[in-house]
């Protein structure tokens, strides 16, 4: 005799279907994320440029996309040049940063969004919202990685630039650690839960949401 209730059977099938779709969509989302990374990081580079070169134009040059990386110009007054000449020449080395290490939550989020039983319109809106949120995470990560490198890896020229930024080293370290360890994985997961609250509540309480068309 089958004692399984109709509601639990429906829940099992719904959860099983979601997991199978997630296993299908997640690898594809990561492939597309990497292939289209030069386009994905474009808005990040624009905002990083607006933040760094906009607020500190004498310390930072342009931030431009280079493949899936961002090249950031950092203006440094060379001590050896200043010591030997009155010429106020400035060197602007280009430092390369990889914003994708802060943006891996995007394909994870997209894969879960596509697997959830929502309409095409809802999926599209959720993906746009997710892209905007992850772009903010990548901007945060790159900016504070730049500040961290200037404070700890670039010697006196870097410290001279950070005097203009005027941000405590402890705050920079705190923001960088959160941007590297917490934000990339945690925020997209929380966002997906918030965007699919009805679906999750249905699975938890045995009343799965109907698949939207």
Protein backbone atom coordinates (compact mmCIF):
# COMPACT_ATOMS: atom_id res chain seq x y z
CA UNK A 1 0.00 0.00 0.00
CA UNK A 2 1.37 3.41 -0.99
CA UNK A 3 1.22 5.74 2.01
CA UNK A 4 2.91 8.65 0.28
CA UNK A 5 0.66 11.69 0.24
CA UNK A 6 -0.01 13.54 -3.04
CA UNK A 7 1.53 16.72 -1.68
CA UNK A 8 4.80 15.06 -0.65
CA UNK A 9 5.01 13.26 -3.99
CA UNK A 10 4.54 16.55 -5.83
CA UNK A 11 7.17 18.18 -3.63
CA UNK A 12 9.65 15.40 -4.33
CA UNK A 13 9.13 15.65 -8.08
CA UNK A 14 9.38 19.45 -7.98
CA UNK A 15 12.59 19.38 -5.95
CA UNK A 16 14.04 16.63 -8.15
CA UNK A 17 13.21 18.60 -11.28
CA UNK A 18 14.78 21.73 -9.86
CA UNK A 19 17.98 19.91 -8.93
CA UNK A 20 18.26 18.31 -12.38
CA UNK A 21 17.70 21.66 -14.09
CA UNK A 22 20.25 23.30 -11.81
CA UNK A 23 22.82 20.63 -12.69
CA UNK A 24 22.13 21.36 -16.35
CA UNK A 25 22.14 25.14 -16.20
CA UNK A 26 25.01 25.79 -13.77
CA UNK A 27 27.83 24.43 -16.01
CA UNK A 28 26.37 26.19 -19.04
CA UNK A 29 26.10 29.44 -17.09
CA UNK A 30 29.77 29.22 -16.08
CA UNK A 31 30.82 28.55 -19.69
CA UNK A 32 28.88 31.55 -21.00
CA UNK A 33 30.13 33.67 -18.09
CA UNK A 34 33.74 33.01 -19.05
CA UNK A 35 33.23 33.29 -22.82
CA UNK A 36 31.45 36.64 -22.51
CA UNK A 37 33.59 37.93 -19.64
CA UNK A 38 34.98 40.90 -21.66
CA UNK A 39 31.41 42.15 -22.04
CA UNK A 40 30.45 41.30 -18.46
CA UNK A 41 33.37 43.21 -16.93
CA UNK A 42 32.78 46.27 -19.14
CA UNK A 43 30.38 48.03 -16.74
CA UNK A 44 32.68 47.15 -13.83
CA UNK A 45 35.62 48.83 -15.56
CA UNK A 46 33.53 51.92 -16.27
CA UNK A 47 32.41 52.27 -12.65
CA UNK A 48 35.92 51.58 -11.30
CA UNK A 49 37.23 54.28 -13.62
CA UNK A 50 34.54 56.67 -12.42
CA UNK A 51 35.39 55.97 -8.77
CA UNK A 52 39.20 56.07 -8.95
CA UNK A 53 39.91 58.58 -11.71
CA UNK A 54 36.81 60.57 -10.81
CA UNK A 55 37.54 61.09 -7.12
CA UNK A 56 41.35 61.02 -7.36
CA UNK A 57 42.28 62.17 -10.90
CA UNK A 58 45.85 63.06 -9.89
CA UNK A 59 46.51 59.60 -8.51
CA UNK A 60 44.73 57.27 -10.97
CA UNK A 61 44.54 57.03 -14.73
CA UNK A 62 41.99 55.27 -16.89
CA UNK A 63 40.59 51.82 -16.13
CA UNK A 64 40.07 49.81 -19.32
CA UNK A 65 39.00 46.27 -20.18
CA UNK A 66 41.77 43.90 -21.25
CA UNK A 67 40.18 40.55 -22.07
CA UNK A 68 38.53 39.45 -18.84
CA UNK A 69 40.85 41.72 -16.82
CA UNK A 70 40.86 45.43 -16.03
CA UNK A 71 44.01 47.51 -16.55
CA UNK A 72 44.23 50.44 -14.14
CA UNK A 73 46.68 53.28 -14.54
CA UNK A 74 48.30 54.36 -11.27
CA UNK A 75 50.20 57.65 -11.27
CA UNK A 76 53.38 57.54 -9.23
CA UNK A 77 56.05 60.20 -8.74
CA UNK A 78 59.33 58.36 -9.03
CA UNK A 79 61.61 59.13 -6.10
CA UNK A 80 64.78 58.65 -8.15
CA UNK A 81 63.55 61.12 -10.78
CA UNK A 82 62.64 63.70 -8.16
CA UNK A 83 66.05 63.34 -6.52
CA UNK A 84 67.99 63.91 -9.73
CA UNK A 85 65.91 66.54 -11.43
CA UNK A 86 63.47 69.35 -10.82
CA UNK A 87 61.27 67.91 -13.55
CA UNK A 88 58.01 66.76 -12.01
CA UNK A 89 57.66 63.76 -14.27
CA UNK A 90 55.16 61.12 -13.33
CA UNK A 91 55.26 57.42 -14.15
CA UNK A 92 51.95 55.68 -14.71
CA UNK A 93 52.39 51.92 -14.49
CA UNK A 94 49.39 49.88 -15.54
CA UNK A 95 48.32 47.29 -13.00
CA UNK A 96 46.05 44.43 -14.07
CA UNK A 97 43.21 43.12 -11.92
CA UNK A 98 40.86 40.21 -12.47
CA UNK A 99 37.30 41.16 -11.46
CA UNK A 100 36.01 37.65 -12.18
CA UNK A 101 37.36 36.43 -8.83
CA UNK A 102 34.65 38.62 -7.30
CA UNK A 103 32.00 37.78 -9.88
CA UNK A 104 31.75 34.00 -9.82
CA UNK A 105 28.40 34.38 -8.06
CA UNK A 106 26.83 35.59 -11.32
CA UNK A 107 26.83 32.24 -13.19
CA UNK A 108 25.79 30.49 -9.98
CA UNK A 109 22.89 32.92 -9.63
CA UNK A 110 21.91 32.69 -13.31
CA UNK A 111 21.94 28.89 -13.23
CA UNK A 112 19.65 28.80 -10.20
CA UNK A 113 17.36 31.45 -11.69
CA UNK A 114 16.96 29.46 -14.89
CA UNK A 115 16.25 26.29 -12.92
CA UNK A 116 13.55 27.87 -10.75
CA UNK A 117 9.90 27.49 -11.88
CA UNK A 118 9.33 31.13 -12.82
CA UNK A 119 8.15 32.80 -16.02
CA UNK A 120 10.52 33.99 -18.72
CA UNK A 121 9.76 37.59 -17.77
CA UNK A 122 10.58 36.93 -14.13
CA UNK A 123 13.77 35.10 -15.06
CA UNK A 124 14.85 38.03 -17.24
CA UNK A 125 14.18 40.55 -14.48
CA UNK A 126 15.98 38.41 -11.90
CA UNK A 127 19.03 38.03 -14.15
CA UNK A 128 19.23 41.80 -14.71
CA UNK A 129 18.95 42.43 -10.96
CA UNK A 130 21.60 39.78 -10.32
CA UNK A 131 23.94 41.30 -12.89
CA UNK A 132 23.63 44.73 -11.29
CA UNK A 133 24.28 43.34 -7.82
CA UNK A 134 27.29 41.26 -8.91
CA UNK A 135 28.68 44.24 -10.82
CA UNK A 136 28.60 46.17 -7.55
CA UNK A 137 30.42 43.31 -5.83
CA UNK A 138 33.12 43.29 -8.53
CA UNK A 139 33.56 47.07 -8.29
CA UNK A 140 33.92 46.83 -4.52
CA UNK A 141 36.45 44.00 -4.81
CA UNK A 142 38.62 45.67 -7.44
CA UNK A 143 38.66 49.09 -5.77
CA UNK A 144 39.68 47.72 -2.38
CA UNK A 145 42.21 45.36 -3.94
CA UNK A 146 43.80 48.42 -5.54
CA UNK A 147 43.85 50.20 -2.20
CA UNK A 148 45.27 47.11 -0.49
CA UNK A 149 48.07 46.79 -3.05
CA UNK A 150 48.95 50.47 -2.78
CA UNK A 151 49.08 50.24 0.99
CA UNK A 152 51.11 47.03 1.27
CA UNK A 153 52.84 46.16 -2.01
CA UNK A 154 53.93 49.36 -3.77
CA UNK A 155 56.21 50.92 -1.20
CA UNK A 156 56.52 54.64 -0.62
CA UNK A 157 54.95 55.69 -3.96
CA UNK A 158 51.89 53.63 -3.11
CA UNK A 159 51.69 55.05 0.40
CA UNK A 160 51.97 58.56 -1.05
CA UNK A 161 48.90 57.89 -3.18
CA UNK A 162 47.00 56.47 -0.21
CA UNK A 163 47.64 59.68 1.71
CA UNK A 164 45.36 61.36 -0.82
CA UNK A 165 42.78 58.56 -0.54
CA UNK A 166 42.86 59.13 3.22
CA UNK A 167 41.41 55.82 4.37
CA UNK A 168 42.64 53.88 7.44
CA UNK A 169 44.60 50.74 6.65
CA UNK A 170 42.40 48.72 9.02
CA UNK A 171 39.26 49.79 7.15
CA UNK A 172 40.85 48.91 3.81
CA UNK A 173 41.80 45.44 5.07
CA UNK A 174 38.32 44.89 6.50
CA UNK A 175 36.55 45.95 3.29
CA UNK A 176 38.92 43.91 1.12
CA UNK A 177 38.43 40.75 3.19
CA UNK A 178 34.66 41.07 3.04
CA UNK A 179 34.81 41.81 -0.69
CA UNK A 180 37.00 38.77 -1.34
CA UNK A 181 35.70 36.17 1.10
CA UNK A 182 32.07 37.01 1.82
CA UNK A 183 30.34 39.11 -0.81
CA UNK A 184 31.01 37.04 -4.00
CA UNK A 185 29.32 33.88 -2.76
CA UNK A 186 26.99 34.97 0.03
CA UNK A 187 25.21 37.94 -1.52
CA UNK A 188 24.15 36.16 -4.77
CA UNK A 189 22.85 33.23 -2.70
CA UNK A 190 20.82 35.54 -0.46
CA UNK A 191 19.54 37.40 -3.51
CA UNK A 192 18.33 34.17 -5.12
CA UNK A 193 16.49 33.20 -1.94
CA UNK A 194 14.79 36.59 -1.80
CA UNK A 195 13.82 36.48 -5.48
CA UNK A 196 12.43 32.93 -5.21
CA UNK A 197 10.91 33.09 -1.77
CA UNK A 198 7.55 31.60 -2.80
CA UNK A 199 9.22 28.63 -4.50
CA UNK A 200 11.44 27.91 -1.49
CA UNK A 201 8.55 28.22 0.97
CA UNK A 202 6.59 25.78 -1.18
CA UNK A 203 9.38 23.22 -0.99
CA UNK A 204 9.83 23.68 2.74
CA UNK A 205 6.13 23.52 3.65
CA UNK A 206 5.14 20.92 1.07
CA UNK A 207 3.18 23.24 -1.21
CA UNK A 208 5.41 23.82 -4.22
CA UNK A 209 4.66 26.83 -6.36
CA UNK A 210 3.12 26.12 -9.72
CA UNK A 211 5.45 26.49 -12.67
CA UNK A 212 4.88 29.89 -14.27
CA UNK A 213 4.42 30.19 -18.00
